[in-house]
Amino acid sequence: MKHEPKVTAKALAAKIGLIYVVCAVSIVLFPGLAMTIAQSWFHGLDLSKIFGLRVTPGSFVLGFITSTAGGGLVGYVFAKAYNYFLASK
């Protein structure tokens, strides 16, 4: 199955955007749980000294734009690489 790079890029950007929104809302609503999860992802590293709630409207918008743009780029590169390796099979 061949991937259309622009479609794959848009799909991944949308998925990353949704995950970003859910994550940001979760951090605002459940900061303790967010810190526990983040700490588990970093193998128990003590994050209490650097953890702080700083989800401002500006940081939210900037994070959303950059994460979705990055997701789109990764999706595009993935589709191109997938199609390349599929053709060389």
PDB file of N, CA and C in Angstrom:
ATOM      1  N   MET A   1       0.833  -1.173   0.000  1.00  0.00           N
ATOM      2  CA  MET A   1       0.000   0.000   0.000  1.00  0.00           C
ATOM      3  C   MET A   1       0.885   1.246   0.000  1.00  0.00           C
ATOM      4  N   LYS A   2       0.715   2.072  -0.970  1.00  0.00           N
ATOM      5  CA  LYS A   2       1.492   3.295  -1.096  1.00  0.00           C
ATOM      6  C   LYS A   2       0.851   4.407  -0.246  1.00  0.00           C
ATOM      7  N   HIS A   3       1.694   5.239   0.348  1.00  0.00           N
ATOM      8  CA  HIS A   3       1.215   6.377   1.136  1.00  0.00           C
ATOM      9  C   HIS A   3       1.290   7.638   0.299  1.00  0.00           C
ATOM     10  N   GLU A   4       0.266   8.452   0.367  1.00  0.00           N
ATOM     11  CA  GLU A   4       0.293   9.781  -0.243  1.00  0.00           C
ATOM     12  C   GLU A   4       0.926  10.716   0.790  1.00  0.00           C
ATOM     13  N   PRO A   5       2.120  11.267   0.502  1.00  0.00           N
ATOM     14  CA  PRO A   5       2.844  12.038   1.518  1.00  0.00           C
ATOM     15  C   PRO A   5       2.053  13.178   2.153  1.00  0.00           C
ATOM     16  N   LYS A   6       1.318  13.946   1.365  1.00  0.00           N
ATOM     17  CA  LYS A   6       0.581  15.082   1.930  1.00  0.00           C
ATOM     18  C   LYS A   6      -0.560  14.615   2.833  1.00  0.00           C
ATOM     19  N   VAL A   7      -1.201  13.532   2.456  1.00  0.00           N
ATOM     20  CA  VAL A   7      -2.297  13.004   3.277  1.00  0.00           C
ATOM     21  C   VAL A   7      -1.758  12.431   4.583  1.00  0.00           C
ATOM     22  N   THR A   8      -0.667  11.679   4.493  1.00  0.00           N
ATOM     23  CA  THR A   8      -0.049  11.121   5.695  1.00  0.00           C
ATOM     24  C   THR A   8       0.431  12.242   6.613  1.00  0.00           C
ATOM     25  N   ALA A   9       1.002  13.293   6.044  1.00  0.00           N
ATOM     26  CA  ALA A   9       1.472  14.437   6.836  1.00  0.00           C
ATOM     27  C   ALA A   9       0.306  15.095   7.571  1.00  0.00           C
ATOM     28  N   LYS A  10      -0.806  15.306   6.870  1.00  0.00           N
ATOM     29  CA  LYS A  10      -1.972  15.939   7.500  1.00  0.00           C
ATOM     30  C   LYS A  10      -2.564  15.051   8.588  1.00  0.00           C
ATOM     31  N   ALA A  11      -2.613  13.755   8.335  1.00  0.00           N
ATOM     32  CA  ALA A  11      -3.173  12.825   9.322  1.00  0.00           C
ATOM     33  C   ALA A  11      -2.337  12.808  10.597  1.00  0.00           C
ATOM     34  N   LEU A  12      -1.027  12.756  10.455  1.00  0.00           N
ATOM     35  CA  LEU A  12      -0.171  12.740  11.639  1.00  0.00           C
ATOM     36  C   LEU A  12      -0.207  14.088  12.350  1.00  0.00           C
ATOM     37  N   ALA A  13      -0.248  15.179  11.606  1.00  0.00           N
ATOM     38  CA  ALA A  13      -0.337  16.505  12.231  1.00  0.00           C
ATOM     39  C   ALA A  13      -1.627  16.626  13.045  1.00  0.00           C
ATOM     40  N   ALA A  14      -2.739  16.131  12.513  1.00  0.00           N
ATOM     41  CA  ALA A  14      -4.012  16.178  13.242  1.00  0.00           C
ATOM     42  C   ALA A  14      -3.957  15.322  14.496  1.00  0.00           C
ATOM     43  N   LYS A  15      -3.360  14.150  14.383  1.00  0.00           N
ATOM     44  CA  LYS A  15      -3.265  13.255  15.543  1.00  0.00           C
ATOM     45  C   LYS A  15      -2.385  13.877  16.624  1.00  0.00           C
ATOM     46  N   ILE A  16      -1.247  14.438  16.244  1.00  0.00           N
ATOM     47  CA  ILE A  16      -0.344  15.086  17.206  1.00  0.00           C
ATOM     48  C   ILE A  16      -1.040  16.291  17.848  1.00  0.00           C
ATOM     49  N   GLY A  17      -1.770  17.057  17.043  1.00  0.00           N
ATOM     50  CA  GLY A  17      -2.499  18.207  17.578  1.00  0.00           C
ATOM     51  C   GLY A  17      -3.514  17.797  18.628  1.00  0.00           C
ATOM     52  N   LEU A  18      -4.241  16.720  18.370  1.00  0.00           N
ATOM     53  CA  LEU A  18      -5.228  16.229  19.331  1.00  0.00           C
ATOM     54  C   LEU A  18      -4.541  15.758  20.622  1.00  0.00           C
ATOM     55  N   ILE A  19      -3.463  15.020  20.468  1.00  0.00           N
ATOM     56  CA  ILE A  19      -2.714  14.558  21.644  1.00  0.00           C
ATOM     57  C   ILE A  19      -2.195  15.757  22.439  1.00  0.00           C
ATOM     58  N   TYR A  20      -1.711  16.790  21.755  1.00  0.00           N
ATOM     59  CA  TYR A  20      -1.193  17.978  22.432  1.00  0.00           C
ATOM     60  C   TYR A  20      -2.283  18.664  23.255  1.00  0.00           C
ATOM     61  N   VAL A  21      -3.463  18.809  22.677  1.00  0.00           N
ATOM     62  CA  VAL A  21      -4.567  19.466  23.389  1.00  0.00           C
ATOM     63  C   VAL A  21      -4.961  18.652  24.616  1.00  0.00           C
ATOM     64  N   VAL A  22      -5.114  17.342  24.456  1.00  0.00           N
ATOM     65  CA  VAL A  22      -5.474  16.484  25.580  1.00  0.00           C
ATOM     66  C   VAL A  22      -4.412  16.566  26.676  1.00  0.00           C
ATOM     67  N   CYS A  23      -3.158  16.546  26.292  1.00  0.00           N
ATOM     68  CA  CYS A  23      -2.060  16.620  27.262  1.00  0.00           C
ATOM     69  C   CYS A  23      -2.073  17.958  28.004  1.00  0.00           C
ATOM     70  N   ALA A  24      -2.213  19.060  27.288  1.00  0.00           N
ATOM     71  CA  ALA A  24      -2.200  20.383  27.923  1.00  0.00           C
ATOM     72  C   ALA A  24      -3.373  20.545  28.882  1.00  0.00           C
ATOM     73  N   VAL A  25      -4.539  20.094  28.482  1.00  0.00           N
ATOM     74  CA  VAL A  25      -5.704  20.178  29.361  1.00  0.00           C
ATOM     75  C   VAL A  25      -5.507  19.300  30.594  1.00  0.00           C
ATOM     76  N   SER A  26      -4.928  18.124  30.396  1.00  0.00           N
ATOM     77  CA  SER A  26      -4.667  17.217  31.516  1.00  0.00           C
ATOM     78  C   SER A  26      -3.695  17.826  32.517  1.00  0.00           C
ATOM     79  N   ILE A  27      -2.682  18.517  32.024  1.00  0.00           N
ATOM     80  CA  ILE A  27      -1.706  19.150  32.917  1.00  0.00           C
ATOM     81  C   ILE A  27      -2.367  20.236  33.753  1.00  0.00           C
ATOM     82  N   VAL A  28      -3.257  21.001  33.144  1.00  0.00           N
ATOM     83  CA  VAL A  28      -3.942  22.066  33.877  1.00  0.00           C
ATOM     84  C   VAL A  28      -4.908  21.470  34.905  1.00  0.00           C
ATOM     85  N   LEU A  29      -5.649  20.425  34.518  1.00  0.00           N
ATOM     86  CA  LEU A  29      -6.662  19.853  35.408  1.00  0.00           C
ATOM     87  C   LEU A  29      -6.088  18.896  36.457  1.00  0.00           C
ATOM     88  N   PHE A  30      -5.051  18.160  36.089  1.00  0.00           N
ATOM     89  CA  PHE A  30      -4.496  17.127  36.971  1.00  0.00           C
ATOM     90  C   PHE A  30      -2.966  17.243  37.060  1.00  0.00           C
ATOM     91  N   PRO A  31      -2.455  18.304  37.669  1.00  0.00           N
ATOM     92  CA  PRO A  31      -1.002  18.510  37.678  1.00  0.00           C
ATOM     93  C   PRO A  31      -0.228  17.401  38.389  1.00  0.00           C
ATOM     94  N   GLY A  32      -0.764  16.866  39.478  1.00  0.00           N
ATOM     95  CA  GLY A  32      -0.072  15.796  40.201  1.00  0.00           C
ATOM     96  C   GLY A  32       0.062  14.543  39.355  1.00  0.00           C
ATOM     97  N   LEU A  33      -1.013  14.161  38.686  1.00  0.00           N
ATOM     98  CA  LEU A  33      -0.979  12.995  37.811  1.00  0.00           C
ATOM     99  C   LEU A  33      -0.025  13.232  36.645  1.00  0.00           C
ATOM    100  N   ALA A  34      -0.043  14.441  36.097  1.00  0.00           N
ATOM    101  CA  ALA A  34       0.857  14.768  34.983  1.00  0.00           C
ATOM    102  C   ALA A  34       2.316  14.618  35.400  1.00  0.00           C
ATOM    103  N   MET A  35       2.639  15.074  36.616  1.00  0.00           N
ATOM    104  CA  MET A  35       4.017  14.946  37.085  1.00  0.00           C
ATOM    105  C   MET A  35       4.381  13.484  37.318  1.00  0.00           C
ATOM    106  N   THR A  36       3.465  12.707  37.848  1.00  0.00           N
ATOM    107  CA  THR A  36       3.721  11.283  38.067  1.00  0.00           C
ATOM    108  C   THR A  36       3.983  10.567  36.748  1.00  0.00           C
ATOM    109  N   ILE A  37       3.178  10.864  35.748  1.00  0.00           N
ATOM    110  CA  ILE A  37       3.360  10.236  34.432  1.00  0.00           C
ATOM    111  C   ILE A  37       4.688  10.676  33.823  1.00  0.00           C
ATOM    112  N   ALA A  38       4.970  11.969  33.870  1.00  0.00           N
ATOM    113  CA  ALA A  38       6.235  12.460  33.306  1.00  0.00           C
ATOM    114  C   ALA A  38       7.424  11.826  34.008  1.00  0.00           C
ATOM    115  N   GLN A  39       7.326  11.698  35.316  1.00  0.00           N
ATOM    116  CA  GLN A  39       8.421  11.087  36.078  1.00  0.00           C
ATOM    117  C   GLN A  39       8.605   9.628  35.676  1.00  0.00           C
ATOM    118  N   SER A  40       7.513   8.913  35.405  1.00  0.00           N
ATOM    119  CA  SER A  40       7.633   7.509  34.990  1.00  0.00           C
ATOM    120  C   SER A  40       8.281   7.398  33.606  1.00  0.00           C
ATOM    121  N   TRP A  41       8.051   8.385  32.761  1.00  0.00           N
ATOM    122  CA  TRP A  41       8.648   8.364  31.419  1.00  0.00           C
ATOM    123  C   TRP A  41      10.147   8.630  31.474  1.00  0.00           C
ATOM    124  N   PHE A  42      10.606   9.304  32.520  1.00  0.00           N
ATOM    125  CA  PHE A  42      12.029   9.599  32.671  1.00  0.00           C
ATOM    126  C   PHE A  42      12.675   8.700  33.723  1.00  0.00           C
ATOM    127  N   HIS A  43      12.171   7.484  33.844  1.00  0.00           N
ATOM    128  CA  HIS A  43      12.756   6.433  34.683  1.00  0.00           C
ATOM    129  C   HIS A  43      12.921   6.851  36.145  1.00  0.00           C
ATOM    130  N   GLY A  44      11.918   7.565  36.658  1.00  0.00           N
ATOM    131  CA  GLY A  44      11.924   7.917  38.070  1.00  0.00           C
ATOM    132  C   GLY A  44      12.727   9.152  38.429  1.00  0.00           C
ATOM    133  N   LEU A  45      13.265   9.857  37.459  1.00  0.00           N
ATOM    134  CA  LEU A  45      14.026  11.079  37.724  1.00  0.00           C
ATOM    135  C   LEU A  45      13.168  12.066  38.510  1.00  0.00           C
ATOM    136  N   ASP A  46      13.721  12.679  39.546  1.00  0.00           N
ATOM    137  CA  ASP A  46      12.977  13.629  40.367  1.00  0.00           C
ATOM    138  C   ASP A  46      12.780  14.926  39.585  1.00  0.00           C
ATOM    139  N   LEU A  47      11.562  15.142  39.128  1.00  0.00           N
ATOM    140  CA  LEU A  47      11.251  16.324  38.324  1.00  0.00           C
ATOM    141  C   LEU A  47      10.642  17.450  39.151  1.00  0.00           C
ATOM    142  N   SER A  48      10.502  17.242  40.450  1.00  0.00           N
ATOM    143  CA  SER A  48       9.818  18.235  41.279  1.00  0.00           C
ATOM    144  C   SER A  48      10.525  19.592  41.284  1.00  0.00           C
ATOM    145  N   LYS A  49      11.831  19.609  41.102  1.00  0.00           N
ATOM    146  CA  LYS A  49      12.570  20.875  41.123  1.00  0.00           C
ATOM    147  C   LYS A  49      12.387  21.693  39.835  1.00  0.00           C
ATOM    148  N   ILE A  50      11.988  21.028  38.757  1.00  0.00           N
ATOM    149  CA  ILE A  50      11.828  21.742  37.491  1.00  0.00           C
ATOM    150  C   ILE A  50      10.385  21.770  37.016  1.00  0.00           C
ATOM    151  N   PHE A  51       9.500  21.056  37.699  1.00  0.00           N
ATOM    152  CA  PHE A  51       8.117  20.975  37.268  1.00  0.00           C
ATOM    153  C   PHE A  51       7.346  22.194  37.749  1.00  0.00           C
ATOM    154  N   GLY A  52       6.624  22.807  36.859  1.00  0.00           N
ATOM    155  CA  GLY A  52       5.791  23.942  37.224  1.00  0.00           C
ATOM    156  C   GLY A  52       4.709  24.134  36.189  1.00  0.00           C
ATOM    157  N   LEU A  53       3.585  24.635  36.616  1.00  0.00           N
ATOM    158  CA  LEU A  53       2.496  24.884  35.684  1.00  0.00           C
ATOM    159  C   LEU A  53       2.709  26.218  34.996  1.00  0.00           C
ATOM    160  N   ARG A  54       2.992  26.167  33.753  1.00  0.00           N
ATOM    161  CA  ARG A  54       3.203  27.385  32.982  1.00  0.00           C
ATOM    162  C   ARG A  54       2.458  27.297  31.657  1.00  0.00           C
ATOM    163  N   VAL A  55       1.246  26.758  31.677  1.00  0.00           N
ATOM    164  CA  VAL A  55       0.460  26.669  30.455  1.00  0.00           C
ATOM    165  C   VAL A  55      -0.296  27.985  30.308  1.00  0.00           C
ATOM    166  N   THR A  56       0.287  28.884  29.551  1.00  0.00           N
ATOM    167  CA  THR A  56      -0.347  30.163  29.264  1.00  0.00           C
ATOM    168  C   THR A  56      -0.975  30.085  27.881  1.00  0.00           C
ATOM    169  N   PRO A  57      -1.875  30.979  27.550  1.00  0.00           N
ATOM    170  CA  PRO A  57      -2.442  30.942  26.196  1.00  0.00           C
ATOM    171  C   PRO A  57      -1.365  31.019  25.107  1.00  0.00           C
ATOM    172  N   GLY A  58      -0.359  31.852  25.339  1.00  0.00           N
ATOM    173  CA  GLY A  58       0.717  31.981  24.346  1.00  0.00           C
ATOM    174  C   GLY A  58       1.537  30.713  24.200  1.00  0.00           C
ATOM    175  N   SER A  59       1.882  30.094  25.346  1.00  0.00           N
ATOM    176  CA  SER A  59       2.666  28.862  25.274  1.00  0.00           C
ATOM    177  C   SER A  59       1.847  27.729  24.683  1.00  0.00           C
ATOM    178  N   PHE A  60       0.537  27.721  24.960  1.00  0.00           N
ATOM    179  CA  PHE A  60      -0.332  26.701  24.392  1.00  0.00           C
ATOM    180  C   PHE A  60      -0.373  26.811  22.867  1.00  0.00           C
ATOM    181  N   VAL A  61      -0.591  28.013  22.365  1.00  0.00           N
ATOM    182  CA  VAL A  61      -0.676  28.219  20.910  1.00  0.00           C
ATOM    183  C   VAL A  61       0.662  27.894  20.245  1.00  0.00           C
ATOM    184  N   LEU A  62       1.757  28.374  20.816  1.00  0.00           N
ATOM    185  CA  LEU A  62       3.066  28.091  20.237  1.00  0.00           C
ATOM    186  C   LEU A  62       3.355  26.593  20.240  1.00  0.00           C
ATOM    187  N   GLY A  63       3.078  25.926  21.348  1.00  0.00           N
ATOM    188  CA  GLY A  63       3.290  24.484  21.426  1.00  0.00           C
ATOM    189  C   GLY A  63       2.419  23.724  20.440  1.00  0.00           C
ATOM    190  N   PHE A  64       1.163  24.150  20.300  1.00  0.00           N
ATOM    191  CA  PHE A  64       0.249  23.496  19.362  1.00  0.00           C
ATOM    192  C   PHE A  64       0.742  23.650  17.926  1.00  0.00           C
ATOM    193  N   ILE A  65       1.123  24.846  17.560  1.00  0.00           N
ATOM    194  CA  ILE A  65       1.591  25.096  16.188  1.00  0.00           C
ATOM    195  C   ILE A  65       2.867  24.317  15.893  1.00  0.00           C
ATOM    196  N   THR A  66       3.829  24.370  16.801  1.00  0.00           N
ATOM    197  CA  THR A  66       5.096  23.691  16.528  1.00  0.00           C
ATOM    198  C   THR A  66       4.959  22.173  16.578  1.00  0.00           C
ATOM    199  N   SER A  67       4.121  21.648  17.463  1.00  0.00           N
ATOM    200  CA  SER A  67       3.965  20.192  17.510  1.00  0.00           C
ATOM    201  C   SER A  67       3.222  19.674  16.283  1.00  0.00           C
ATOM    202  N   THR A  68       2.196  20.376  15.834  1.00  0.00           N
ATOM    203  CA  THR A  68       1.480  19.913  14.642  1.00  0.00           C
ATOM    204  C   THR A  68       2.344  20.074  13.390  1.00  0.00           C
ATOM    205  N   ALA A  69       3.108  21.157  13.312  1.00  0.00           N
ATOM    206  CA  ALA A  69       4.009  21.328  12.168  1.00  0.00           C
ATOM    207  C   ALA A  69       5.080  20.232  12.159  1.00  0.00           C
ATOM    208  N   GLY A  70       5.634  19.941  13.322  1.00  0.00           N
ATOM    209  CA  GLY A  70       6.612  18.859  13.425  1.00  0.00           C
ATOM    210  C   GLY A  70       6.000  17.517  13.067  1.00  0.00           C
ATOM    211  N   GLY A  71       4.777  17.280  13.530  1.00  0.00           N
ATOM    212  CA  GLY A  71       4.079  16.041  13.182  1.00  0.00           C
ATOM    213  C   GLY A  71       3.845  15.923  11.692  1.00  0.00           C
ATOM    214  N   GLY A  72       3.477  17.026  11.070  1.00  0.00           N
ATOM    215  CA  GLY A  72       3.285  17.030   9.619  1.00  0.00           C
ATOM    216  C   GLY A  72       4.574  16.721   8.877  1.00  0.00           C
ATOM    217  N   LEU A  73       5.663  17.299   9.335  1.00  0.00           N
ATOM    218  CA  LEU A  73       6.961  17.034   8.712  1.00  0.00           C
ATOM    219  C   LEU A  73       7.363  15.572   8.867  1.00  0.00           C
ATOM    220  N   VAL A  74       7.192  15.034  10.071  1.00  0.00           N
ATOM    221  CA  VAL A  74       7.518  13.626  10.306  1.00  0.00           C
ATOM    222  C   VAL A  74       6.637  12.719   9.448  1.00  0.00           C
ATOM    223  N   GLY A  75       5.353  13.044   9.336  1.00  0.00           N
ATOM    224  CA  GLY A  75       4.452  12.255   8.497  1.00  0.00           C
ATOM    225  C   GLY A  75       4.839  12.279   7.034  1.00  0.00           C
ATOM    226  N   TYR A  76       5.243  13.440   6.554  1.00  0.00           N
ATOM    227  CA  TYR A  76       5.657  13.570   5.158  1.00  0.00           C
ATOM    228  C   TYR A  76       6.923  12.757   4.886  1.00  0.00           C
ATOM    229  N   VAL A  77       7.911  12.909   5.760  1.00  0.00           N
ATOM    230  CA  VAL A  77       9.168  12.164   5.599  1.00  0.00           C
ATOM    231  C   VAL A  77       8.920  10.659   5.707  1.00  0.00           C
ATOM    232  N   PHE A  78       8.054  10.259   6.654  1.00  0.00           N
ATOM    233  CA  PHE A  78       7.718   8.848   6.790  1.00  0.00           C
ATOM    234  C   PHE A  78       7.114   8.303   5.495  1.00  0.00           C
ATOM    235  N   ALA A  79       6.142   9.011   4.920  1.00  0.00           N
ATOM    236  CA  ALA A  79       5.490   8.537   3.697  1.00  0.00           C
ATOM    237  C   ALA A  79       6.481   8.445   2.542  1.00  0.00           C
ATOM    238  N   LYS A  80       7.347   9.425   2.402  1.00  0.00           N
ATOM    239  CA  LYS A  80       8.361   9.390   1.340  1.00  0.00           C
ATOM    240  C   LYS A  80       9.292   8.195   1.518  1.00  0.00           C
ATOM    241  N   ALA A  81       9.759   7.985   2.742  1.00  0.00           N
ATOM    242  CA  ALA A  81      10.664   6.866   3.012  1.00  0.00           C
ATOM    243  C   ALA A  81       9.941   5.534   2.806  1.00  0.00           C
ATOM    244  N   TYR A  82       8.717   5.432   3.267  1.00  0.00           N
ATOM    245  CA  TYR A  82       7.934   4.211   3.106  1.00  0.00           C
ATOM    246  C   TYR A  82       7.768   3.870   1.628  1.00  0.00           C
ATOM    247  N   ASN A  83       7.390   4.872   0.843  1.00  0.00           N
ATOM    248  CA  ASN A  83       7.211   4.635  -0.599  1.00  0.00           C
ATOM    249  C   ASN A  83       8.522   4.273  -1.277  1.00  0.00           C
ATOM    250  N   TYR A  84       9.618   4.859  -0.846  1.00  0.00           N
ATOM    251  CA  TYR A  84      10.926   4.550  -1.411  1.00  0.00           C
ATOM    252  C   TYR A  84      11.277   3.075  -1.150  1.00  0.00           C
ATOM    253  N   PHE A  85      11.110   2.665   0.097  1.00  0.00           N
ATOM    254  CA  PHE A  85      11.459   1.286   0.438  1.00  0.00           C
ATOM    255  C   PHE A  85      10.466   0.283  -0.144  1.00  0.00           C
ATOM    256  N   LEU A  86       9.228   0.701  -0.318  1.00  0.00           N
ATOM    257  CA  LEU A  86       8.237  -0.164  -0.940  1.00  0.00           C
ATOM    258  C   LEU A  86       8.587  -0.411  -2.406  1.00  0.00           C
ATOM    259  N   ALA A  87       9.068   0.629  -3.085  1.00  0.00           N
ATOM    260  CA  ALA A  87       9.419   0.510  -4.500  1.00  0.00           C
ATOM    261  C   ALA A  87      10.675  -0.314  -4.696  1.00  0.00           C
ATOM    262  N   SER A  88      11.588  -0.301  -3.737  1.00  0.00           N
ATOM    263  CA  SER A  88      12.851  -1.027  -3.891  1.00  0.00           C
ATOM    264  C   SER A  88      12.749  -2.481  -3.433  1.00  0.00           C
ATOM    265  N   LYS A  89      11.564  -2.919  -3.105  1.00  0.00           N
ATOM    266  CA  LYS A  89      11.319  -4.251  -2.611  1.00  0.00           C
ATOM    267  C   LYS A  89      11.529  -5.311  -3.678  1.00  0.00           C
TER     268      LYS A  89
END
